[in-house]
Amino acid sequence: KGLDLYDIKFEFGIDKNDEVILIDEIA
């Protein structure tokens, strides 16, 4: 879309299977 991503922040957590998954948002 002609946009340049410089940086982005995330949060991760552990689900019921002890797997690392992305939580929060991507906005």
PDB file of all heavy atoms in Angstrom:
ATOM      1  N   LYS A   1       0.815  -1.208   0.000  1.00  0.00           N
ATOM      2  CA  LYS A   1       0.000   0.000   0.000  1.00  0.00           C
ATOM      3  C   LYS A   1       0.853   1.263   0.000  1.00  0.00           C
ATOM      4  O   LYS A   1       0.368   2.357   0.305  1.00  0.00           O
ATOM      5  CB  LYS A   1      -0.953  -0.017   1.201  1.00  0.00           C
ATOM      6  CG  LYS A   1      -1.910  -1.212   1.193  1.00  0.00           C
ATOM      7  CD  LYS A   1      -2.802  -1.232   2.409  1.00  0.00           C
ATOM      8  CE  LYS A   1      -3.736  -2.446   2.375  1.00  0.00           C
ATOM      9  NZ  LYS A   1      -4.700  -2.392   1.275  1.00  0.00           N
ATOM     10  N   GLY A   2       2.145   1.102  -0.308  1.00  0.00           N
ATOM     11  CA  GLY A   2       3.035   2.247  -0.369  1.00  0.00           C
ATOM     12  C   GLY A   2       3.458   2.777   0.983  1.00  0.00           C
ATOM     13  O   GLY A   2       3.860   3.941   1.109  1.00  0.00           O
ATOM     14  N   LEU A   3       3.387   1.934   1.993  1.00  0.00           N
ATOM     15  CA  LEU A   3       3.709   2.336   3.363  1.00  0.00           C
ATOM     16  C   LEU A   3       4.958   1.606   3.849  1.00  0.00           C
ATOM     17  O   LEU A   3       5.166   0.437   3.524  1.00  0.00           O
ATOM     18  CB  LEU A   3       2.533   2.018   4.288  1.00  0.00           C
ATOM     19  CG  LEU A   3       1.211   2.707   3.929  1.00  0.00           C
ATOM     20  CD1 LEU A   3       0.056   2.060   4.682  1.00  0.00           C
ATOM     21  CD2 LEU A   3       1.283   4.204   4.246  1.00  0.00           C
ATOM     22  N   ASP A   4       5.783   2.306   4.643  1.00  0.00           N
ATOM     23  CA  ASP A   4       7.018   1.732   5.152  1.00  0.00           C
ATOM     24  C   ASP A   4       6.946   1.566   6.669  1.00  0.00           C
ATOM     25  O   ASP A   4       6.805   2.547   7.407  1.00  0.00           O
ATOM     26  CB  ASP A   4       8.213   2.637   4.807  1.00  0.00           C
ATOM     27  CG  ASP A   4       8.424   2.759   3.309  1.00  0.00           C
ATOM     28  OD1 ASP A   4       8.401   1.722   2.628  1.00  0.00           O
ATOM     29  OD2 ASP A   4       8.603   3.897   2.825  1.00  0.00           O
ATOM     30  N   LEU A   5       7.054   0.322   7.126  1.00  0.00           N
ATOM     31  CA  LEU A   5       7.043   0.036   8.558  1.00  0.00           C
ATOM     32  C   LEU A   5       8.430   0.248   9.136  1.00  0.00           C
ATOM     33  O   LEU A   5       9.389  -0.394   8.720  1.00  0.00           O
ATOM     34  CB  LEU A   5       6.587  -1.408   8.800  1.00  0.00           C
ATOM     35  CG  LEU A   5       6.566  -1.880  10.258  1.00  0.00           C
ATOM     36  CD1 LEU A   5       5.548  -1.085  11.068  1.00  0.00           C
ATOM     37  CD2 LEU A   5       6.268  -3.368  10.333  1.00  0.00           C
ATOM     38  N   TYR A   6       8.549   1.151  10.118  1.00  0.00           N
ATOM     39  CA  TYR A   6       9.830   1.423  10.775  1.00  0.00           C
ATOM     40  C   TYR A   6       9.996   0.567  12.021  1.00  0.00           C
ATOM     41  O   TYR A   6      11.070   0.040  12.281  1.00  0.00           O
ATOM     42  CB  TYR A   6       9.947   2.904  11.140  1.00  0.00           C
ATOM     43  CG  TYR A   6      10.408   3.791  10.007  1.00  0.00           C
ATOM     44  CD1 TYR A   6      10.073   3.517   8.679  1.00  0.00           C
ATOM     45  CD2 TYR A   6      11.167   4.924  10.253  1.00  0.00           C
ATOM     46  CE1 TYR A   6      10.496   4.333   7.645  1.00  0.00           C
ATOM     47  CE2 TYR A   6      11.603   5.751   9.213  1.00  0.00           C
ATOM     48  CZ  TYR A   6      11.258   5.453   7.920  1.00  0.00           C
ATOM     49  OH  TYR A   6      11.677   6.257   6.881  1.00  0.00           O
ATOM     50  N   ASP A   7       8.951   0.466  12.819  1.00  0.00           N
ATOM     51  CA  ASP A   7       8.994  -0.419  13.986  1.00  0.00           C
ATOM     52  C   ASP A   7       7.586  -0.754  14.440  1.00  0.00           C
ATOM     53  O   ASP A   7       6.619  -0.091  14.070  1.00  0.00           O
ATOM     54  CB  ASP A   7       9.822   0.178  15.142  1.00  0.00           C
ATOM     55  CG  ASP A   7       9.359   1.560  15.579  1.00  0.00           C
ATOM     56  OD1 ASP A   7       8.151   1.742  15.796  1.00  0.00           O
ATOM     57  OD2 ASP A   7      10.206   2.458  15.702  1.00  0.00           O
ATOM     58  N   ILE A   8       7.478  -1.815  15.225  1.00  0.00           N
ATOM     59  CA  ILE A   8       6.174  -2.291  15.698  1.00  0.00           C
ATOM     60  C   ILE A   8       6.370  -3.008  17.023  1.00  0.00           C
ATOM     61  O   ILE A   8       7.420  -3.609  17.262  1.00  0.00           O
ATOM     62  CB  ILE A   8       5.537  -3.234  14.648  1.00  0.00           C
ATOM     63  CG1 ILE A   8       4.133  -3.677  15.081  1.00  0.00           C
ATOM     64  CG2 ILE A   8       6.418  -4.442  14.365  1.00  0.00           C
ATOM     65  CD1 ILE A   8       3.346  -4.370  13.961  1.00  0.00           C
ATOM     66  N   LYS A   9       5.391  -2.898  17.902  1.00  0.00           N
ATOM     67  CA  LYS A   9       5.506  -3.585  19.190  1.00  0.00           C
ATOM     68  C   LYS A   9       4.367  -4.579  19.372  1.00  0.00           C
ATOM     69  O   LYS A   9       3.251  -4.365  18.914  1.00  0.00           O
ATOM     70  CB  LYS A   9       5.538  -2.585  20.350  1.00  0.00           C
ATOM     71  CG  LYS A   9       4.299  -1.752  20.558  1.00  0.00           C
ATOM     72  CD  LYS A   9       4.514  -0.779  21.720  1.00  0.00           C
ATOM     73  CE  LYS A   9       3.298   0.126  21.911  1.00  0.00           C
ATOM     74  NZ  LYS A   9       3.519   1.122  22.991  1.00  0.00           N
ATOM     75  N   PHE A  10       4.694  -5.679  20.028  1.00  0.00           N
ATOM     76  CA  PHE A  10       3.759  -6.773  20.262  1.00  0.00           C
ATOM     77  C   PHE A  10       3.760  -7.167  21.735  1.00  0.00           C
ATOM     78  O   PHE A  10       4.623  -6.761  22.511  1.00  0.00           O
ATOM     79  CB  PHE A  10       4.162  -8.018  19.461  1.00  0.00           C
ATOM     80  CG  PHE A  10       4.194  -7.849  17.980  1.00  0.00           C
ATOM     81  CD1 PHE A  10       5.402  -7.916  17.297  1.00  0.00           C
ATOM     82  CD2 PHE A  10       3.033  -7.660  17.250  1.00  0.00           C
ATOM     83  CE1 PHE A  10       5.445  -7.787  15.920  1.00  0.00           C
ATOM     84  CE2 PHE A  10       3.061  -7.529  15.875  1.00  0.00           C
ATOM     85  CZ  PHE A  10       4.274  -7.591  15.207  1.00  0.00           C
ATOM     86  N   GLU A  11       2.786  -8.016  22.059  1.00  0.00           N
ATOM     87  CA  GLU A  11       2.792  -8.707  23.346  1.00  0.00           C
ATOM     88  C   GLU A  11       2.526 -10.184  23.072  1.00  0.00           C
ATOM     89  O   GLU A  11       1.753 -10.522  22.180  1.00  0.00           O
ATOM     90  CB  GLU A  11       1.747  -8.131  24.299  1.00  0.00           C
ATOM     91  CG  GLU A  11       2.078  -6.724  24.787  1.00  0.00           C
ATOM     92  CD  GLU A  11       1.108  -6.229  25.831  1.00  0.00           C
ATOM     93  OE1 GLU A  11       0.787  -7.020  26.756  1.00  0.00           O
ATOM     94  OE2 GLU A  11       0.659  -5.080  25.731  1.00  0.00           O
ATOM     95  N   PHE A  12       3.172 -11.032  23.851  1.00  0.00           N
ATOM     96  CA  PHE A  12       2.984 -12.474  23.717  1.00  0.00           C
ATOM     97  C   PHE A  12       2.592 -13.064  25.065  1.00  0.00           C
ATOM     98  O   PHE A  12       2.799 -12.473  26.117  1.00  0.00           O
ATOM     99  CB  PHE A  12       4.274 -13.141  23.227  1.00  0.00           C
ATOM    100  CG  PHE A  12       4.611 -12.857  21.796  1.00  0.00           C
ATOM    101  CD1 PHE A  12       5.305 -11.715  21.442  1.00  0.00           C
ATOM    102  CD2 PHE A  12       4.218 -13.736  20.793  1.00  0.00           C
ATOM    103  CE1 PHE A  12       5.615 -11.437  20.122  1.00  0.00           C
ATOM    104  CE2 PHE A  12       4.529 -13.477  19.468  1.00  0.00           C
ATOM    105  CZ  PHE A  12       5.227 -12.328  19.131  1.00  0.00           C
ATOM    106  N   GLY A  13       2.013 -14.263  25.000  1.00  0.00           N
ATOM    107  CA  GLY A  13       1.648 -14.962  26.216  1.00  0.00           C
ATOM    108  C   GLY A  13       1.711 -16.465  25.986  1.00  0.00           C
ATOM    109  O   GLY A  13       2.080 -16.928  24.908  1.00  0.00           O
ATOM    110  N   ILE A  14       1.332 -17.202  27.016  1.00  0.00           N
ATOM    111  CA  ILE A  14       1.330 -18.664  26.967  1.00  0.00           C
ATOM    112  C   ILE A  14      -0.111 -19.155  26.995  1.00  0.00           C
ATOM    113  O   ILE A  14      -0.879 -18.777  27.886  1.00  0.00           O
ATOM    114  CB  ILE A  14       2.107 -19.252  28.162  1.00  0.00           C
ATOM    115  CG1 ILE A  14       3.558 -18.792  28.142  1.00  0.00           C
ATOM    116  CG2 ILE A  14       2.033 -20.765  28.145  1.00  0.00           C
ATOM    117  CD1 ILE A  14       4.347 -19.305  26.976  1.00  0.00           C
ATOM    118  N   ASP A  15      -0.483 -19.996  26.017  1.00  0.00           N
ATOM    119  CA  ASP A  15      -1.844 -20.524  26.014  1.00  0.00           C
ATOM    120  C   ASP A  15      -1.942 -21.763  26.903  1.00  0.00           C
ATOM    121  O   ASP A  15      -0.975 -22.137  27.590  1.00  0.00           O
ATOM    122  CB  ASP A  15      -2.305 -20.813  24.585  1.00  0.00           C
ATOM    123  CG  ASP A  15      -1.537 -21.958  23.917  1.00  0.00           C
ATOM    124  OD1 ASP A  15      -0.750 -22.644  24.602  1.00  0.00           O
ATOM    125  OD2 ASP A  15      -1.746 -22.175  22.712  1.00  0.00           O
ATOM    126  N   LYS A  16      -3.096 -22.432  26.870  1.00  0.00           N
ATOM    127  CA  LYS A  16      -3.330 -23.579  27.762  1.00  0.00           C
ATOM    128  C   LYS A  16      -2.410 -24.751  27.450  1.00  0.00           C
ATOM    129  O   LYS A  16      -2.225 -25.646  28.280  1.00  0.00           O
ATOM    130  CB  LYS A  16      -4.782 -24.028  27.662  1.00  0.00           C
ATOM    131  CG  LYS A  16      -5.197 -24.515  26.285  1.00  0.00           C
ATOM    132  CD  LYS A  16      -6.663 -24.919  26.268  1.00  0.00           C
ATOM    133  CE  LYS A  16      -7.074 -25.428  24.888  1.00  0.00           C
ATOM    134  NZ  LYS A  16      -8.503 -25.812  24.854  1.00  0.00           N
ATOM    135  N   ASN A  17      -1.815 -24.750  26.250  1.00  0.00           N
ATOM    136  CA  ASN A  17      -0.878 -25.809  25.865  1.00  0.00           C
ATOM    137  C   ASN A  17       0.576 -25.400  26.072  1.00  0.00           C
ATOM    138  O   ASN A  17       1.482 -26.061  25.562  1.00  0.00           O
ATOM    139  CB  ASN A  17      -1.108 -26.182  24.393  1.00  0.00           C
ATOM    140  CG  ASN A  17      -2.506 -26.700  24.132  1.00  0.00           C
ATOM    141  OD1 ASN A  17      -3.037 -27.513  24.890  1.00  0.00           O
ATOM    142  ND2 ASN A  17      -3.131 -26.219  23.061  1.00  0.00           N
ATOM    143  N   ASP A  18       0.779 -24.301  26.805  1.00  0.00           N
ATOM    144  CA  ASP A  18       2.118 -23.768  27.081  1.00  0.00           C
ATOM    145  C   ASP A  18       2.851 -23.356  25.801  1.00  0.00           C
ATOM    146  O   ASP A  18       4.080 -23.393  25.738  1.00  0.00           O
ATOM    147  CB  ASP A  18       2.978 -24.779  27.856  1.00  0.00           C
ATOM    148  CG  ASP A  18       2.519 -24.943  29.298  1.00  0.00           C
ATOM    149  OD1 ASP A  18       1.990 -23.956  29.851  1.00  0.00           O
ATOM    150  OD2 ASP A  18       2.674 -26.031  29.852  1.00  0.00           O
ATOM    151  N   GLU A  19       2.090 -22.963  24.801  1.00  0.00           N
ATOM    152  CA  GLU A  19       2.688 -22.496  23.547  1.00  0.00           C
ATOM    153  C   GLU A  19       2.719 -20.974  23.537  1.00  0.00           C
ATOM    154  O   GLU A  19       1.768 -20.313  23.985  1.00  0.00           O
ATOM    155  CB  GLU A  19       1.888 -23.008  22.354  1.00  0.00           C
ATOM    156  CG  GLU A  19       2.508 -22.648  21.013  1.00  0.00           C
ATOM    157  CD  GLU A  19       1.784 -23.262  19.838  1.00  0.00           C
ATOM    158  OE1 GLU A  19       0.862 -24.071  20.061  1.00  0.00           O
ATOM    159  OE2 GLU A  19       2.133 -22.940  18.690  1.00  0.00           O
ATOM    160  N   VAL A  20       3.800 -20.412  23.027  1.00  0.00           N
ATOM    161  CA  VAL A  20       3.926 -18.960  22.924  1.00  0.00           C
ATOM    162  C   VAL A  20       3.046 -18.472  21.777  1.00  0.00           C
ATOM    163  O   VAL A  20       3.207 -18.901  20.632  1.00  0.00           O
ATOM    164  CB  VAL A  20       5.388 -18.548  22.666  1.00  0.00           C
ATOM    165  CG1 VAL A  20       5.492 -17.033  22.486  1.00  0.00           C
ATOM    166  CG2 VAL A  20       6.284 -19.007  23.811  1.00  0.00           C
ATOM    167  N   ILE A  21       2.091 -17.586  22.096  1.00  0.00           N
ATOM    168  CA  ILE A  21       1.202 -17.060  21.061  1.00  0.00           C
ATOM    169  C   ILE A  21       1.134 -15.536  21.134  1.00  0.00           C
ATOM    170  O   ILE A  21       1.379 -14.932  22.183  1.00  0.00           O
ATOM    171  CB  ILE A  21      -0.230 -17.635  21.179  1.00  0.00           C
ATOM    172  CG1 ILE A  21      -0.886 -17.191  22.492  1.00  0.00           C
ATOM    173  CG2 ILE A  21      -0.221 -19.141  21.056  1.00  0.00           C
ATOM    174  CD1 ILE A  21      -2.387 -17.511  22.563  1.00  0.00           C
ATOM    175  N   LEU A  22       0.793 -14.924  20.021  1.00  0.00           N
ATOM    176  CA  LEU A  22       0.634 -13.471  19.963  1.00  0.00           C
ATOM    177  C   LEU A  22      -0.676 -13.079  20.623  1.00  0.00           C
ATOM    178  O   LEU A  22      -1.724 -13.669  20.357  1.00  0.00           O
ATOM    179  CB  LEU A  22       0.633 -13.016  18.500  1.00  0.00           C
ATOM    180  CG  LEU A  22       0.465 -11.509  18.270  1.00  0.00           C
ATOM    181  CD1 LEU A  22       1.704 -10.761  18.763  1.00  0.00           C
ATOM    182  CD2 LEU A  22       0.238 -11.232  16.790  1.00  0.00           C
ATOM    183  N   ILE A  23      -0.625 -12.062  21.493  1.00  0.00           N
ATOM    184  CA  ILE A  23      -1.829 -11.557  22.146  1.00  0.00           C
ATOM    185  C   ILE A  23      -1.943 -10.051  21.867  1.00  0.00           C
ATOM    186  O   ILE A  23      -1.225  -9.513  21.037  1.00  0.00           O
ATOM    187  CB  ILE A  23      -1.813 -11.850  23.664  1.00  0.00           C
ATOM    188  CG1 ILE A  23      -0.631 -11.148  24.347  1.00  0.00           C
ATOM    189  CG2 ILE A  23      -1.737 -13.350  23.925  1.00  0.00           C
ATOM    190  CD1 ILE A  23      -0.642 -11.284  25.884  1.00  0.00           C
ATOM    191  N   ASP A  24      -2.873  -9.396  22.526  1.00  0.00           N
ATOM    192  CA  ASP A  24      -3.079  -7.949  22.406  1.00  0.00           C
ATOM    193  C   ASP A  24      -3.602  -7.578  21.024  1.00  0.00           C
ATOM    194  O   ASP A  24      -4.625  -8.087  20.608  1.00  0.00           O
ATOM    195  CB  ASP A  24      -1.806  -7.197  22.765  1.00  0.00           C
ATOM    196  CG  ASP A  24      -2.076  -5.722  23.077  1.00  0.00           C
ATOM    197  OD1 ASP A  24      -3.064  -5.461  23.782  1.00  0.00           O
ATOM    198  OD2 ASP A  24      -1.324  -4.863  22.614  1.00  0.00           O
ATOM    199  N   GLU A  25      -2.891  -6.737  20.260  1.00  0.00           N
ATOM    200  CA  GLU A  25      -3.403  -6.234  18.999  1.00  0.00           C
ATOM    201  C   GLU A  25      -2.288  -6.044  17.977  1.00  0.00           C
ATOM    202  O   GLU A  25      -1.104  -6.075  18.311  1.00  0.00           O
ATOM    203  CB  GLU A  25      -4.124  -4.899  19.208  1.00  0.00           C
ATOM    204  CG  GLU A  25      -3.193  -3.798  19.715  1.00  0.00           C
ATOM    205  CD  GLU A  25      -3.910  -2.484  19.964  1.00  0.00           C
ATOM    206  OE1 GLU A  25      -5.024  -2.289  19.458  1.00  0.00           O
ATOM    207  OE2 GLU A  25      -3.336  -1.633  20.671  1.00  0.00           O
ATOM    208  N   ILE A  26      -2.685  -5.850  16.727  1.00  0.00           N
ATOM    209  CA  ILE A  26      -1.755  -5.456  15.663  1.00  0.00           C
ATOM    210  C   ILE A  26      -2.409  -4.265  14.983  1.00  0.00           C
ATOM    211  O   ILE A  26      -3.191  -4.423  14.053  1.00  0.00           O
ATOM    212  CB  ILE A  26      -1.528  -6.572  14.629  1.00  0.00           C
ATOM    213  CG1 ILE A  26      -1.154  -7.885  15.309  1.00  0.00           C
ATOM    214  CG2 ILE A  26      -0.441  -6.169  13.641  1.00  0.00           C
ATOM    215  CD1 ILE A  26      -1.039  -9.049  14.335  1.00  0.00           C
ATOM    216  N   ALA A  27      -2.132  -3.077  15.474  1.00  0.00           N
ATOM    217  CA  ALA A  27      -2.866  -1.910  15.007  1.00  0.00           C
ATOM    218  C   ALA A  27      -1.965  -0.704  14.842  1.00  0.00           C
ATOM    219  O   ALA A  27      -0.802  -0.693  15.252  1.00  0.00           O
ATOM    220  CB  ALA A  27      -4.002  -1.600  15.983  1.00  0.00           C
TER     221      ALA A  27
END
